[in-house]
Amino acid sequence: MISPAYAQAMGGGTEMITSLLPFVLIFVIMYFLILRPQQRRAKQHQEMVKNVRRGDTVITSGGLIAKVTKVIDDDKIEIELADGVRAVQMRAMVSDVRAKGEPVKDDAAA
């Protein structure tokens, strides 16, 4: 004969899996609804910031609309806020590019 304690222990394995299943499903749903789109947006923002060039109209993270006058290096750009008012801005702090500026001039053709 099988003792009642041994019979209860045998059924505990499936019970544990059943109790963990909702947590696994919640994590999977959170990944597809929250984490994955957030990673996609971060990648798009990084690509947009990398492609900022002279003449672009940008919106800073502070909400200022400015025109890019000079690309200093990989991290910094110079922006013109108003006529004669220029500032140095970190590229990562650009939140949106509104209008694309002039194309990059080819030095070989000049």
PDB file of N, CA and C in Angstrom:
ATOM      1  N   MET A   1       0.821  -1.179   0.000  1.00  0.00           N
ATOM      2  CA  MET A   1       0.000   0.000   0.000  1.00  0.00           C
ATOM      3  C   MET A   1       0.873   1.253   0.000  1.00  0.00           C
ATOM      4  N   ILE A   2       0.339   2.337  -0.573  1.00  0.00           N
ATOM      5  CA  ILE A   2       1.045   3.615  -0.608  1.00  0.00           C
ATOM      6  C   ILE A   2       0.542   4.467   0.549  1.00  0.00           C
ATOM      7  N   SER A   3       1.482   5.028   1.282  1.00  0.00           N
ATOM      8  CA  SER A   3       1.077   5.863   2.411  1.00  0.00           C
ATOM      9  C   SER A   3       0.538   7.204   1.899  1.00  0.00           C
ATOM     10  N   PRO A   4      -0.380   7.860   2.626  1.00  0.00           N
ATOM     11  CA  PRO A   4      -0.960   9.131   2.182  1.00  0.00           C
ATOM     12  C   PRO A   4       0.086  10.244   2.030  1.00  0.00           C
ATOM     13  N   ALA A   5       1.120  10.270   2.863  1.00  0.00           N
ATOM     14  CA  ALA A   5       2.151  11.305   2.771  1.00  0.00           C
ATOM     15  C   ALA A   5       2.926  11.158   1.476  1.00  0.00           C
ATOM     16  N   TYR A   6       3.246   9.941   1.078  1.00  0.00           N
ATOM     17  CA  TYR A   6       3.974   9.698  -0.158  1.00  0.00           C
ATOM     18  C   TYR A   6       3.120  10.068  -1.364  1.00  0.00           C
ATOM     19  N   ALA A   7       1.845   9.803  -1.322  1.00  0.00           N
ATOM     20  CA  ALA A   7       0.936  10.124  -2.413  1.00  0.00           C
ATOM     21  C   ALA A   7       0.806  11.637  -2.576  1.00  0.00           C
ATOM     22  N   GLN A   8       0.790  12.371  -1.476  1.00  0.00           N
ATOM     23  CA  GLN A   8       0.710  13.827  -1.553  1.00  0.00           C
ATOM     24  C   GLN A   8       1.996  14.411  -2.113  1.00  0.00           C
ATOM     25  N   ALA A   9       3.118  13.848  -1.791  1.00  0.00           N
ATOM     26  CA  ALA A   9       4.405  14.340  -2.288  1.00  0.00           C
ATOM     27  C   ALA A   9       4.526  14.142  -3.789  1.00  0.00           C
ATOM     28  N   MET A  10       3.958  13.105  -4.304  1.00  0.00           N
ATOM     29  CA  MET A  10       4.025  12.839  -5.736  1.00  0.00           C
ATOM     30  C   MET A  10       3.250  13.882  -6.535  1.00  0.00           C
ATOM     31  N   GLY A  11       2.152  14.361  -6.047  1.00  0.00           N
ATOM     32  CA  GLY A  11       1.328  15.341  -6.749  1.00  0.00           C
ATOM     33  C   GLY A  11       1.870  16.756  -6.629  1.00  0.00           C
ATOM     34  N   GLY A  12       2.836  17.009  -5.782  1.00  0.00           N
ATOM     35  CA  GLY A  12       3.359  18.355  -5.531  1.00  0.00           C
ATOM     36  C   GLY A  12       4.146  18.936  -6.700  1.00  0.00           C
ATOM     37  N   GLY A  13       4.723  18.130  -7.539  1.00  0.00           N
ATOM     38  CA  GLY A  13       5.532  18.619  -8.654  1.00  0.00           C
ATOM     39  C   GLY A  13       4.713  19.349  -9.694  1.00  0.00           C
ATOM     40  N   THR A  14       3.601  18.795 -10.066  1.00  0.00           N
ATOM     41  CA  THR A  14       2.744  19.449 -11.051  1.00  0.00           C
ATOM     42  C   THR A  14       2.064  20.673 -10.454  1.00  0.00           C
ATOM     43  N   GLU A  15       1.819  20.616  -9.161  1.00  0.00           N
ATOM     44  CA  GLU A  15       1.205  21.755  -8.484  1.00  0.00           C
ATOM     45  C   GLU A  15       2.153  22.962  -8.484  1.00  0.00           C
ATOM     46  N   MET A  16       3.439  22.708  -8.298  1.00  0.00           N
ATOM     47  CA  MET A  16       4.425  23.797  -8.292  1.00  0.00           C
ATOM     48  C   MET A  16       4.542  24.424  -9.690  1.00  0.00           C
ATOM     49  N   ILE A  17       4.559  23.607 -10.711  1.00  0.00           N
ATOM     50  CA  ILE A  17       4.638  24.117 -12.079  1.00  0.00           C
ATOM     51  C   ILE A  17       3.394  24.932 -12.411  1.00  0.00           C
ATOM     52  N   THR A  18       2.249  24.454 -11.980  1.00  0.00           N
ATOM     53  CA  THR A  18       0.995  25.170 -12.221  1.00  0.00           C
ATOM     54  C   THR A  18       0.979  26.511 -11.505  1.00  0.00           C
ATOM     55  N   SER A  19       1.551  26.580 -10.305  1.00  0.00           N
ATOM     56  CA  SER A  19       1.566  27.846  -9.569  1.00  0.00           C
ATOM     57  C   SER A  19       2.584  28.833 -10.150  1.00  0.00           C
ATOM     58  N   LEU A  20       3.635  28.366 -10.798  1.00  0.00           N
ATOM     59  CA  LEU A  20       4.636  29.257 -11.402  1.00  0.00           C
ATOM     60  C   LEU A  20       4.254  29.707 -12.806  1.00  0.00           C
ATOM     61  N   LEU A  21       3.344  28.997 -13.431  1.00  0.00           N
ATOM     62  CA  LEU A  21       2.942  29.312 -14.795  1.00  0.00           C
ATOM     63  C   LEU A  21       2.413  30.738 -14.965  1.00  0.00           C
ATOM     64  N   PRO A  22       1.570  31.275 -14.083  1.00  0.00           N
ATOM     65  CA  PRO A  22       1.115  32.667 -14.251  1.00  0.00           C
ATOM     66  C   PRO A  22       2.256  33.687 -14.209  1.00  0.00           C
ATOM     67  N   PHE A  23       3.252  33.451 -13.366  1.00  0.00           N
ATOM     68  CA  PHE A  23       4.389  34.377 -13.297  1.00  0.00           C
ATOM     69  C   PHE A  23       5.202  34.355 -14.584  1.00  0.00           C
ATOM     70  N   VAL A  24       5.374  33.187 -15.152  1.00  0.00           N
ATOM     71  CA  VAL A  24       6.091  33.070 -16.416  1.00  0.00           C
ATOM     72  C   VAL A  24       5.310  33.771 -17.529  1.00  0.00           C
ATOM     73  N   LEU A  25       4.007  33.577 -17.555  1.00  0.00           N
ATOM     74  CA  LEU A  25       3.174  34.228 -18.572  1.00  0.00           C
ATOM     75  C   LEU A  25       3.203  35.748 -18.420  1.00  0.00           C
ATOM     76  N   ILE A  26       3.166  36.253 -17.195  1.00  0.00           N
ATOM     77  CA  ILE A  26       3.241  37.698 -16.969  1.00  0.00           C
ATOM     78  C   ILE A  26       4.563  38.249 -17.475  1.00  0.00           C
ATOM     79  N   PHE A  27       5.665  37.547 -17.218  1.00  0.00           N
ATOM     80  CA  PHE A  27       6.962  38.001 -17.698  1.00  0.00           C
ATOM     81  C   PHE A  27       7.015  38.024 -19.217  1.00  0.00           C
ATOM     82  N   VAL A  28       6.480  37.002 -19.866  1.00  0.00           N
ATOM     83  CA  VAL A  28       6.484  36.943 -21.335  1.00  0.00           C
ATOM     84  C   VAL A  28       5.645  38.080 -21.907  1.00  0.00           C
ATOM     85  N   ILE A  29       4.489  38.337 -21.329  1.00  0.00           N
ATOM     86  CA  ILE A  29       3.628  39.428 -21.795  1.00  0.00           C
ATOM     87  C   ILE A  29       4.319  40.767 -21.598  1.00  0.00           C
ATOM     88  N   MET A  30       4.967  40.966 -20.443  1.00  0.00           N
ATOM     89  CA  MET A  30       5.687  42.228 -20.190  1.00  0.00           C
ATOM     90  C   MET A  30       6.822  42.413 -21.192  1.00  0.00           C
ATOM     91  N   TYR A  31       7.504  41.334 -21.537  1.00  0.00           N
ATOM     92  CA  TYR A  31       8.597  41.442 -22.496  1.00  0.00           C
ATOM     93  C   TYR A  31       8.081  41.941 -23.840  1.00  0.00           C
ATOM     94  N   PHE A  32       7.004  41.356 -24.334  1.00  0.00           N
ATOM     95  CA  PHE A  32       6.510  41.729 -25.656  1.00  0.00           C
ATOM     96  C   PHE A  32       5.767  43.055 -25.675  1.00  0.00           C
ATOM     97  N   LEU A  33       5.155  43.459 -24.583  1.00  0.00           N
ATOM     98  CA  LEU A  33       4.398  44.707 -24.560  1.00  0.00           C
ATOM     99  C   LEU A  33       5.201  45.911 -24.078  1.00  0.00           C
ATOM    100  N   ILE A  34       6.232  45.690 -23.259  1.00  0.00           N
ATOM    101  CA  ILE A  34       6.964  46.815 -22.677  1.00  0.00           C
ATOM    102  C   ILE A  34       8.430  46.833 -23.096  1.00  0.00           C
ATOM    103  N   LEU A  35       9.155  45.792 -22.807  1.00  0.00           N
ATOM    104  CA  LEU A  35      10.609  45.803 -23.005  1.00  0.00           C
ATOM    105  C   LEU A  35      11.015  45.842 -24.472  1.00  0.00           C
ATOM    106  N   ARG A  36      10.404  45.027 -25.294  1.00  0.00           N
ATOM    107  CA  ARG A  36      10.784  44.979 -26.707  1.00  0.00           C
ATOM    108  C   ARG A  36      10.510  46.283 -27.448  1.00  0.00           C
ATOM    109  N   PRO A  37       9.329  46.897 -27.303  1.00  0.00           N
ATOM    110  CA  PRO A  37       9.111  48.192 -27.961  1.00  0.00           C
ATOM    111  C   PRO A  37      10.040  49.287 -27.432  1.00  0.00           C
ATOM    112  N   GLN A  38      10.361  49.234 -26.140  1.00  0.00           N
ATOM    113  CA  GLN A  38      11.262  50.229 -25.572  1.00  0.00           C
ATOM    114  C   GLN A  38      12.661  50.084 -26.164  1.00  0.00           C
ATOM    115  N   GLN A  39      13.131  48.878 -26.345  1.00  0.00           N
ATOM    116  CA  GLN A  39      14.435  48.652 -26.965  1.00  0.00           C
ATOM    117  C   GLN A  39      14.429  49.122 -28.416  1.00  0.00           C
ATOM    118  N   ARG A  40      13.321  48.894 -29.113  1.00  0.00           N
ATOM    119  CA  ARG A  40      13.211  49.325 -30.511  1.00  0.00           C
ATOM    120  C   ARG A  40      13.262  50.847 -30.613  1.00  0.00           C
ATOM    121  N   ARG A  41      12.539  51.546 -29.703  1.00  0.00           N
ATOM    122  CA  ARG A  41      12.559  53.015 -29.704  1.00  0.00           C
ATOM    123  C   ARG A  41      13.939  53.553 -29.371  1.00  0.00           C
ATOM    124  N   ALA A  42      14.627  52.919 -28.448  1.00  0.00           N
ATOM    125  CA  ALA A  42      15.977  53.359 -28.089  1.00  0.00           C
ATOM    126  C   ALA A  42      16.929  53.192 -29.270  1.00  0.00           C
ATOM    127  N   LYS A  43      16.786  52.113 -30.014  1.00  0.00           N
ATOM    128  CA  LYS A  43      17.628  51.885 -31.182  1.00  0.00           C
ATOM    129  C   LYS A  43      17.337  52.915 -32.280  1.00  0.00           C
ATOM    130  N   GLN A  44      16.046  53.245 -32.485  1.00  0.00           N
ATOM    131  CA  GLN A  44      15.677  54.258 -33.470  1.00  0.00           C
ATOM    132  C   GLN A  44      16.219  55.633 -33.073  1.00  0.00           C
ATOM    133  N   HIS A  45      16.138  55.974 -31.782  1.00  0.00           N
ATOM    134  CA  HIS A  45      16.643  57.268 -31.309  1.00  0.00           C
ATOM    135  C   HIS A  45      18.152  57.340 -31.497  1.00  0.00           C
ATOM    136  N   GLN A  46      18.852  56.259 -31.182  1.00  0.00           N
ATOM    137  CA  GLN A  46      20.300  56.225 -31.349  1.00  0.00           C
ATOM    138  C   GLN A  46      20.684  56.409 -32.825  1.00  0.00           C
ATOM    139  N   GLU A  47      19.950  55.783 -33.722  1.00  0.00           N
ATOM    140  CA  GLU A  47      20.211  55.925 -35.157  1.00  0.00           C
ATOM    141  C   GLU A  47      19.920  57.351 -35.625  1.00  0.00           C
ATOM    142  N   MET A  48      18.830  57.939 -35.139  1.00  0.00           N
ATOM    143  CA  MET A  48      18.471  59.307 -35.510  1.00  0.00           C
ATOM    144  C   MET A  48      19.542  60.289 -35.038  1.00  0.00           C
ATOM    145  N   VAL A  49      20.002  60.120 -33.808  1.00  0.00           N
ATOM    146  CA  VAL A  49      21.014  61.016 -33.250  1.00  0.00           C
ATOM    147  C   VAL A  49      22.333  60.861 -34.001  1.00  0.00           C
ATOM    148  N   LYS A  50      22.646  59.649 -34.411  1.00  0.00           N
ATOM    149  CA  LYS A  50      23.890  59.410 -35.149  1.00  0.00           C
ATOM    150  C   LYS A  50      23.873  60.100 -36.511  1.00  0.00           C
ATOM    151  N   ASN A  51      22.679  60.252 -37.113  1.00  0.00           N
ATOM    152  CA  ASN A  51      22.562  60.827 -38.447  1.00  0.00           C
ATOM    153  C   ASN A  51      22.285  62.329 -38.460  1.00  0.00           C
ATOM    154  N   VAL A  52      22.365  62.994 -37.313  1.00  0.00           N
ATOM    155  CA  VAL A  52      22.172  64.448 -37.274  1.00  0.00           C
ATOM    156  C   VAL A  52      23.332  65.114 -38.007  1.00  0.00           C
ATOM    157  N   ARG A  53      23.014  66.099 -38.873  1.00  0.00           N
ATOM    158  CA  ARG A  53      24.065  66.794 -39.614  1.00  0.00           C
ATOM    159  C   ARG A  53      23.751  68.283 -39.690  1.00  0.00           C
ATOM    160  N   ARG A  54      24.682  69.033 -40.251  1.00  0.00           N
ATOM    161  CA  ARG A  54      24.541  70.485 -40.336  1.00  0.00           C
ATOM    162  C   ARG A  54      23.298  70.857 -41.138  1.00  0.00           C
ATOM    163  N   GLY A  55      22.548  71.826 -40.619  1.00  0.00           N
ATOM    164  CA  GLY A  55      21.357  72.295 -41.299  1.00  0.00           C
ATOM    165  C   GLY A  55      20.073  71.657 -40.804  1.00  0.00           C
ATOM    166  N   ASP A  56      20.162  70.602 -40.013  1.00  0.00           N
ATOM    167  CA  ASP A  56      18.964  69.955 -39.486  1.00  0.00           C
ATOM    168  C   ASP A  56      18.295  70.846 -38.439  1.00  0.00           C
ATOM    169  N   THR A  57      16.994  70.840 -38.417  1.00  0.00           N
ATOM    170  CA  THR A  57      16.244  71.497 -37.349  1.00  0.00           C
ATOM    171  C   THR A  57      15.917  70.425 -36.324  1.00  0.00           C
ATOM    172  N   VAL A  58      16.345  70.659 -35.074  1.00  0.00           N
ATOM    173  CA  VAL A  58      16.198  69.663 -34.018  1.00  0.00           C
ATOM    174  C   VAL A  58      15.398  70.234 -32.858  1.00  0.00           C
ATOM    175  N   ILE A  59      14.835  69.328 -32.075  1.00  0.00           N
ATOM    176  CA  ILE A  59      14.194  69.695 -30.820  1.00  0.00           C
ATOM    177  C   ILE A  59      15.030  69.077 -29.716  1.00  0.00           C
ATOM    178  N   THR A  60      15.465  69.919 -28.784  1.00  0.00           N
ATOM    179  CA  THR A  60      16.290  69.426 -27.685  1.00  0.00           C
ATOM    180  C   THR A  60      15.409  68.770 -26.633  1.00  0.00           C
ATOM    181  N   SER A  61      16.036  68.078 -25.700  1.00  0.00           N
ATOM    182  CA  SER A  61      15.263  67.432 -24.638  1.00  0.00           C
ATOM    183  C   SER A  61      14.609  68.464 -23.730  1.00  0.00           C
ATOM    184  N   GLY A  62      15.087  69.710 -23.748  1.00  0.00           N
ATOM    185  CA  GLY A  62      14.478  70.783 -22.976  1.00  0.00           C
ATOM    186  C   GLY A  62      13.328  71.450 -23.701  1.00  0.00           C
ATOM    187  N   GLY A  63      13.076  71.052 -24.949  1.00  0.00           N
ATOM    188  CA  GLY A  63      11.955  71.596 -25.696  1.00  0.00           C
ATOM    189  C   GLY A  63      12.312  72.761 -26.600  1.00  0.00           C
ATOM    190  N   LEU A  64      13.583  73.107 -26.711  1.00  0.00           N
ATOM    191  CA  LEU A  64      14.002  74.208 -27.576  1.00  0.00           C
ATOM    192  C   LEU A  64      14.129  73.719 -29.016  1.00  0.00           C
ATOM    193  N   ILE A  65      13.694  74.554 -29.950  1.00  0.00           N
ATOM    194  CA  ILE A  65      13.853  74.248 -31.373  1.00  0.00           C
ATOM    195  C   ILE A  65      15.072  75.007 -31.858  1.00  0.00           C
ATOM    196  N   ALA A  66      15.987  74.297 -32.474  1.00  0.00           N
ATOM    197  CA  ALA A  66      17.250  74.909 -32.882  1.00  0.00           C
ATOM    198  C   ALA A  66      17.699  74.327 -34.210  1.00  0.00           C
ATOM    199  N   LYS A  67      18.658  74.994 -34.830  1.00  0.00           N
ATOM    200  CA  LYS A  67      19.223  74.536 -36.093  1.00  0.00           C
ATOM    201  C   LYS A  67      20.669  74.139 -35.843  1.00  0.00           C
ATOM    202  N   VAL A  68      21.065  73.002 -36.381  1.00  0.00           N
ATOM    203  CA  VAL A  68      22.436  72.519 -36.209  1.00  0.00           C
ATOM    204  C   VAL A  68      23.341  73.320 -37.137  1.00  0.00           C
ATOM    205  N   THR A  69      24.341  73.990 -36.561  1.00  0.00           N
ATOM    206  CA  THR A  69      25.263  74.781 -37.369  1.00  0.00           C
ATOM    207  C   THR A  69      26.580  74.056 -37.607  1.00  0.00           C
ATOM    208  N   LYS A  70      26.933  73.141 -36.696  1.00  0.00           N
ATOM    209  CA  LYS A  70      28.228  72.478 -36.838  1.00  0.00           C
ATOM    210  C   LYS A  70      28.207  71.178 -36.041  1.00  0.00           C
ATOM    211  N   VAL A  71      28.776  70.135 -36.620  1.00  0.00           N
ATOM    212  CA  VAL A  71      28.953  68.875 -35.904  1.00  0.00           C
ATOM    213  C   VAL A  71      30.371  68.884 -35.359  1.00  0.00           C
ATOM    214  N   ILE A  72      30.498  68.946 -34.041  1.00  0.00           N
ATOM    215  CA  ILE A  72      31.822  69.064 -33.418  1.00  0.00           C
ATOM    216  C   ILE A  72      32.523  67.708 -33.398  1.00  0.00           C
ATOM    217  N   ASP A  73      31.900  66.714 -32.815  1.00  0.00           N
ATOM    218  CA  ASP A  73      32.455  65.357 -32.817  1.00  0.00           C
ATOM    219  C   ASP A  73      31.310  64.362 -32.635  1.00  0.00           C
ATOM    220  N   ASP A  74      31.644  63.128 -32.262  1.00  0.00           N
ATOM    221  CA  ASP A  74      30.612  62.091 -32.138  1.00  0.00           C
ATOM    222  C   ASP A  74      29.626  62.375 -31.011  1.00  0.00           C
ATOM    223  N   ASP A  75      30.020  63.179 -30.029  1.00  0.00           N
ATOM    224  CA  ASP A  75      29.157  63.424 -28.875  1.00  0.00           C
ATOM    225  C   ASP A  75      28.505  64.794 -28.865  1.00  0.00           C
ATOM    226  N   LYS A  76      29.084  65.772 -29.552  1.00  0.00           N
ATOM    227  CA  LYS A  76      28.612  67.154 -29.433  1.00  0.00           C
ATOM    228  C   LYS A  76      28.260  67.759 -30.789  1.00  0.00           C
ATOM    229  N   ILE A  77      27.267  68.655 -30.760  1.00  0.00           N
ATOM    230  CA  ILE A  77      26.914  69.452 -31.932  1.00  0.00           C
ATOM    231  C   ILE A  77      26.765  70.899 -31.484  1.00  0.00           C
ATOM    232  N   GLU A  78      26.939  71.809 -32.430  1.00  0.00           N
ATOM    233  CA  GLU A  78      26.693  73.223 -32.134  1.00  0.00           C
ATOM    234  C   GLU A  78      25.349  73.574 -32.747  1.00  0.00           C
ATOM    235  N   ILE A  79      24.494  74.193 -31.926  1.00  0.00           N
ATOM    236  CA  ILE A  79      23.159  74.554 -32.400  1.00  0.00           C
ATOM    237  C   ILE A  79      22.971  76.056 -32.322  1.00  0.00           C
ATOM    238  N   GLU A  80      22.119  76.570 -33.197  1.00  0.00           N
ATOM    239  CA  GLU A  80      21.782  77.988 -33.191  1.00  0.00           C
ATOM    240  C   GLU A  80      20.336  78.116 -32.712  1.00  0.00           C
ATOM    241  N   LEU A  81      20.177  78.754 -31.545  1.00  0.00           N
ATOM    242  CA  LEU A  81      18.854  78.911 -30.944  1.00  0.00           C
ATOM    243  C   LEU A  81      18.104  80.089 -31.538  1.00  0.00           C
ATOM    244  N   ALA A  82      18.825  81.178 -31.819  1.00  0.00           N
ATOM    245  CA  ALA A  82      18.261  82.382 -32.434  1.00  0.00           C
ATOM    246  C   ALA A  82      19.389  83.002 -33.253  1.00  0.00           C
ATOM    247  N   ASP A  83      19.119  84.104 -33.933  1.00  0.00           N
ATOM    248  CA  ASP A  83      20.163  84.740 -34.736  1.00  0.00           C
ATOM    249  C   ASP A  83      21.332  85.138 -33.847  1.00  0.00           C
ATOM    250  N   GLY A  84      22.476  84.536 -34.088  1.00  0.00           N
ATOM    251  CA  GLY A  84      23.688  84.852 -33.348  1.00  0.00           C
ATOM    252  C   GLY A  84      23.794  84.199 -31.980  1.00  0.00           C
ATOM    253  N   VAL A  85      22.827  83.409 -31.570  1.00  0.00           N
ATOM    254  CA  VAL A  85      22.874  82.727 -30.266  1.00  0.00           C
ATOM    255  C   VAL A  85      23.168  81.257 -30.527  1.00  0.00           C
ATOM    256  N   ARG A  86      24.385  80.848 -30.187  1.00  0.00           N
ATOM    257  CA  ARG A  86      24.806  79.470 -30.430  1.00  0.00           C
ATOM    258  C   ARG A  86      25.154  78.788 -29.120  1.00  0.00           C
ATOM    259  N   ALA A  87      24.967  77.499 -29.094  1.00  0.00           N
ATOM    260  CA  ALA A  87      25.267  76.707 -27.904  1.00  0.00           C
ATOM    261  C   ALA A  87      25.786  75.343 -28.338  1.00  0.00           C
ATOM    262  N   VAL A  88      26.526  74.712 -27.451  1.00  0.00           N
ATOM    263  CA  VAL A  88      27.015  73.361 -27.704  1.00  0.00           C
ATOM    264  C   VAL A  88      26.067  72.404 -26.996  1.00  0.00           C
ATOM    265  N   GLN A  89      25.623  71.401 -27.713  1.00  0.00           N
ATOM    266  CA  GLN A  89      24.620  70.451 -27.208  1.00  0.00           C
ATOM    267  C   GLN A  89      25.169  69.040 -27.337  1.00  0.00           C
ATOM    268  N   MET A  90      24.888  68.209 -26.356  1.00  0.00           N
ATOM    269  CA  MET A  90      25.228  66.790 -26.462  1.00  0.00           C
ATOM    270  C   MET A  90      24.263  66.144 -27.454  1.00  0.00           C
ATOM    271  N   ARG A  91      24.764  65.297 -28.320  1.00  0.00           N
ATOM    272  CA  ARG A  91      23.914  64.644 -29.320  1.00  0.00           C
ATOM    273  C   ARG A  91      22.801  63.827 -28.674  1.00  0.00           C
ATOM    274  N   ALA A  92      23.109  63.179 -27.571  1.00  0.00           N
ATOM    275  CA  ALA A  92      22.122  62.324 -26.922  1.00  0.00           C
ATOM    276  C   ALA A  92      20.935  63.117 -26.382  1.00  0.00           C
ATOM    277  N   MET A  93      21.084  64.420 -26.219  1.00  0.00           N
ATOM    278  CA  MET A  93      20.011  65.246 -25.669  1.00  0.00           C
ATOM    279  C   MET A  93      19.098  65.806 -26.758  1.00  0.00           C
ATOM    280  N   VAL A  94      19.270  65.358 -27.982  1.00  0.00           N
ATOM    281  CA  VAL A  94      18.361  65.728 -29.067  1.00  0.00           C
ATOM    282  C   VAL A  94      17.195  64.752 -29.014  1.00  0.00           C
ATOM    283  N   SER A  95      15.977  65.278 -28.895  1.00  0.00           N
ATOM    284  CA  SER A  95      14.829  64.380 -28.783  1.00  0.00           C
ATOM    285  C   SER A  95      14.153  64.106 -30.119  1.00  0.00           C
ATOM    286  N   ASP A  96      14.288  65.023 -31.096  1.00  0.00           N
ATOM    287  CA  ASP A  96      13.646  64.799 -32.393  1.00  0.00           C
ATOM    288  C   ASP A  96      14.343  65.630 -33.457  1.00  0.00           C
ATOM    289  N   VAL A  97      14.338  65.152 -34.683  1.00  0.00           N
ATOM    290  CA  VAL A  97      14.839  65.900 -35.836  1.00  0.00           C
ATOM    291  C   VAL A  97      13.624  66.237 -36.681  1.00  0.00           C
ATOM    292  N   ARG A  98      13.319  67.536 -36.797  1.00  0.00           N
ATOM    293  CA  ARG A  98      12.111  67.975 -37.505  1.00  0.00           C
ATOM    294  C   ARG A  98      12.328  68.096 -39.001  1.00  0.00           C
ATOM    295  N   ALA A  99      13.367  68.802 -39.409  1.00  0.00           N
ATOM    296  CA  ALA A  99      13.601  69.013 -40.840  1.00  0.00           C
ATOM    297  C   ALA A  99      15.043  68.671 -41.153  1.00  0.00           C
ATOM    298  N   LYS A 100      15.215  67.916 -42.207  1.00  0.00           N
ATOM    299  CA  LYS A 100      16.561  67.561 -42.617  1.00  0.00           C
ATOM    300  C   LYS A 100      17.202  68.741 -43.334  1.00  0.00           C
ATOM    301  N   GLY A 101      18.485  68.917 -43.106  1.00  0.00           N
ATOM    302  CA  GLY A 101      19.209  70.036 -43.707  1.00  0.00           C
ATOM    303  C   GLY A 101      19.858  69.667 -45.008  1.00  0.00           C
ATOM    304  N   GLU A 102      20.911  70.385 -45.312  1.00  0.00           N
ATOM    305  CA  GLU A 102      21.602  70.182 -46.589  1.00  0.00           C
ATOM    306  C   GLU A 102      22.367  68.870 -46.575  1.00  0.00           C
ATOM    307  N   PRO A 103      22.488  68.218 -47.724  1.00  0.00           N
ATOM    308  CA  PRO A 103      23.239  66.958 -47.760  1.00  0.00           C
ATOM    309  C   PRO A 103      24.731  67.201 -47.566  1.00  0.00           C
ATOM    310  N   VAL A 104      25.406  66.164 -47.163  1.00  0.00           N
ATOM    311  CA  VAL A 104      26.845  66.261 -46.954  1.00  0.00           C
ATOM    312  C   VAL A 104      27.520  66.456 -48.308  1.00  0.00           C
ATOM    313  N   LYS A 105      28.404  67.451 -48.377  1.00  0.00           N
ATOM    314  CA  LYS A 105      29.098  67.745 -49.637  1.00  0.00           C
ATOM    315  C   LYS A 105      30.266  66.799 -49.801  1.00  0.00           C
ATOM    316  N   ASP A 106      30.426  66.294 -51.015  1.00  0.00           N
ATOM    317  CA  ASP A 106      31.510  65.368 -51.329  1.00  0.00           C
ATOM    318  C   ASP A 106      32.768  66.175 -51.631  1.00  0.00           C
ATOM    319  N   ASP A 107      33.845  65.955 -50.869  1.00  0.00           N
ATOM    320  CA  ASP A 107      35.083  66.700 -51.060  1.00  0.00           C
ATOM    321  C   ASP A 107      35.784  66.334 -52.372  1.00  0.00           C
ATOM    322  N   ALA A 108      35.588  65.144 -52.845  1.00  0.00           N
ATOM    323  CA  ALA A 108      36.248  64.713 -54.080  1.00  0.00           C
ATOM    324  C   ALA A 108      35.694  65.472 -55.298  1.00  0.00           C
ATOM    325  N   ALA A 109      34.436  65.829 -55.269  1.00  0.00           N
ATOM    326  CA  ALA A 109      33.831  66.522 -56.398  1.00  0.00           C
ATOM    327  C   ALA A 109      34.190  67.999 -56.401  1.00  0.00           C
ATOM    328  N   ALA A 110      34.583  68.536 -55.267  1.00  0.00           N
ATOM    329  CA  ALA A 110      34.873  69.979 -55.173  1.00  0.00           C
ATOM    330  C   ALA A 110      36.186  70.364 -55.752  1.00  0.00           C
TER     331      ALA A 110
END
